[in-house]
Amino acid sequence: MTKLTRIFAIAGNGHGWAPEDMFAHNASKHGYKSSFNANLEGYTVQLKVEDTDDYRYILKKFYALVVIQLIVFNLIKQKTRGFCS
């Protein structure tokens, strides 16, 4: 599983399709072969990712924001369904 797939899985709370599944579906059903690459090669300027303290700090902040968004979303969903008082 790529980092991008893990991020989609976390952000989507496990619902929906993984990008690889969507591409396989489009290939089998519509005969379309995607040129998408998980490292976004061809879509953006390639940056050299180095395992530095700054990189790990930014990654941790990003994951924390995703978790916070999921918690808030789930609390709102529970409140609107009457599960919270």
Protein backbone atom coordinates (compact mmCIF):
# COMPACT_ATOMS: atom_id res chain seq x y z
CA MET A 1 0.00 0.00 0.00
CA THR A 2 1.48 3.36 -1.00
CA LYS A 3 1.61 6.39 1.30
CA LEU A 4 -0.98 8.07 -0.91
CA THR A 5 -3.34 5.09 -0.60
CA ARG A 6 -2.92 5.10 3.19
CA ILE A 7 -3.74 8.81 3.31
CA PHE A 8 -6.87 8.25 1.18
CA ALA A 9 -7.88 5.36 3.44
CA ILE A 10 -7.42 7.46 6.59
CA ALA A 11 -9.14 10.53 5.15
CA GLY A 12 -12.01 8.46 3.78
CA ASN A 13 -12.44 6.55 7.02
CA GLY A 14 -12.15 3.30 5.07
CA HIS A 15 -15.12 4.04 2.81
CA GLY A 16 -14.93 4.28 -0.94
CA TRP A 17 -12.40 2.86 -3.33
CA ALA A 18 -8.64 2.85 -3.26
CA PRO A 19 -7.16 4.65 -6.28
CA GLU A 20 -5.75 1.37 -7.61
CA ASP A 21 -9.24 -0.19 -7.50
CA MET A 22 -10.75 2.72 -9.41
CA PHE A 23 -8.08 2.47 -12.10
CA ALA A 24 -8.57 -1.30 -12.40
CA HIS A 25 -12.34 -0.82 -12.70
CA ASN A 26 -11.95 1.82 -15.43
CA ALA A 27 -9.50 -0.40 -17.30
CA SER A 28 -11.77 -3.47 -17.22
CA LYS A 29 -15.09 -1.70 -17.78
CA HIS A 30 -14.12 1.13 -20.14
CA GLY A 31 -10.77 0.01 -21.55
CA TYR A 32 -9.09 3.12 -20.14
CA LYS A 33 -5.52 2.85 -18.86
CA SER A 34 -4.62 5.64 -16.44
CA SER A 35 -1.21 7.25 -16.59
CA PHE A 36 -1.48 8.16 -12.89
CA ASN A 37 1.54 7.38 -10.78
CA ALA A 38 1.32 7.50 -6.97
CA ASN A 39 4.46 9.65 -6.77
CA LEU A 40 2.64 12.19 -9.00
CA GLU A 41 5.36 11.98 -11.65
CA GLY A 42 4.20 13.93 -14.69
CA TYR A 43 1.62 15.87 -12.67
CA THR A 44 3.91 18.09 -10.64
CA VAL A 45 7.57 18.95 -10.10
CA GLN A 46 9.31 16.08 -8.39
CA LEU A 47 10.77 17.01 -5.02
CA LYS A 48 13.49 15.09 -3.29
CA VAL A 49 11.97 13.72 -0.10
CA GLU A 50 14.55 13.36 2.59
CA ASP A 51 13.95 11.71 5.92
CA THR A 52 14.67 14.78 8.00
CA ASP A 53 13.29 16.09 11.26
CA ASP A 54 11.37 18.78 9.36
CA TYR A 55 9.79 16.19 7.04
CA ARG A 56 8.74 13.95 9.93
CA TYR A 57 7.32 16.96 11.81
CA ILE A 58 5.23 18.09 8.84
CA LEU A 59 4.01 14.53 8.23
CA LYS A 60 2.97 14.17 11.88
CA LYS A 61 1.09 17.50 11.72
CA PHE A 62 -0.71 16.36 8.56
CA TYR A 63 -1.76 13.04 10.10
CA ALA A 64 -2.90 14.86 13.26
CA LEU A 65 -5.08 17.18 11.17
CA VAL A 66 -6.62 14.20 9.36
CA VAL A 67 -7.40 12.50 12.68
CA ILE A 68 -8.92 15.71 14.09
CA GLN A 69 -11.11 16.10 11.00
CA LEU A 70 -12.31 12.50 11.32
CA ILE A 71 -13.11 12.92 15.00
CA VAL A 72 -15.06 16.12 14.39
CA PHE A 73 -16.87 14.61 11.40
CA ASN A 74 -17.86 11.53 13.40
CA LEU A 75 -19.03 13.63 16.36
CA ILE A 76 -21.17 15.78 14.07
CA LYS A 77 -22.55 12.66 12.37
CA GLN A 78 -23.39 11.07 15.73
CA LYS A 79 -24.99 14.27 17.03
CA THR A 80 -27.18 14.64 13.93
CA ARG A 81 -28.30 11.03 14.30
CA GLY A 82 -29.17 11.54 17.97
CA PHE A 83 -26.39 9.40 19.45
CA CYS A 84 -24.95 12.26 21.50
CA SER A 85 -26.79 14.33 24.04
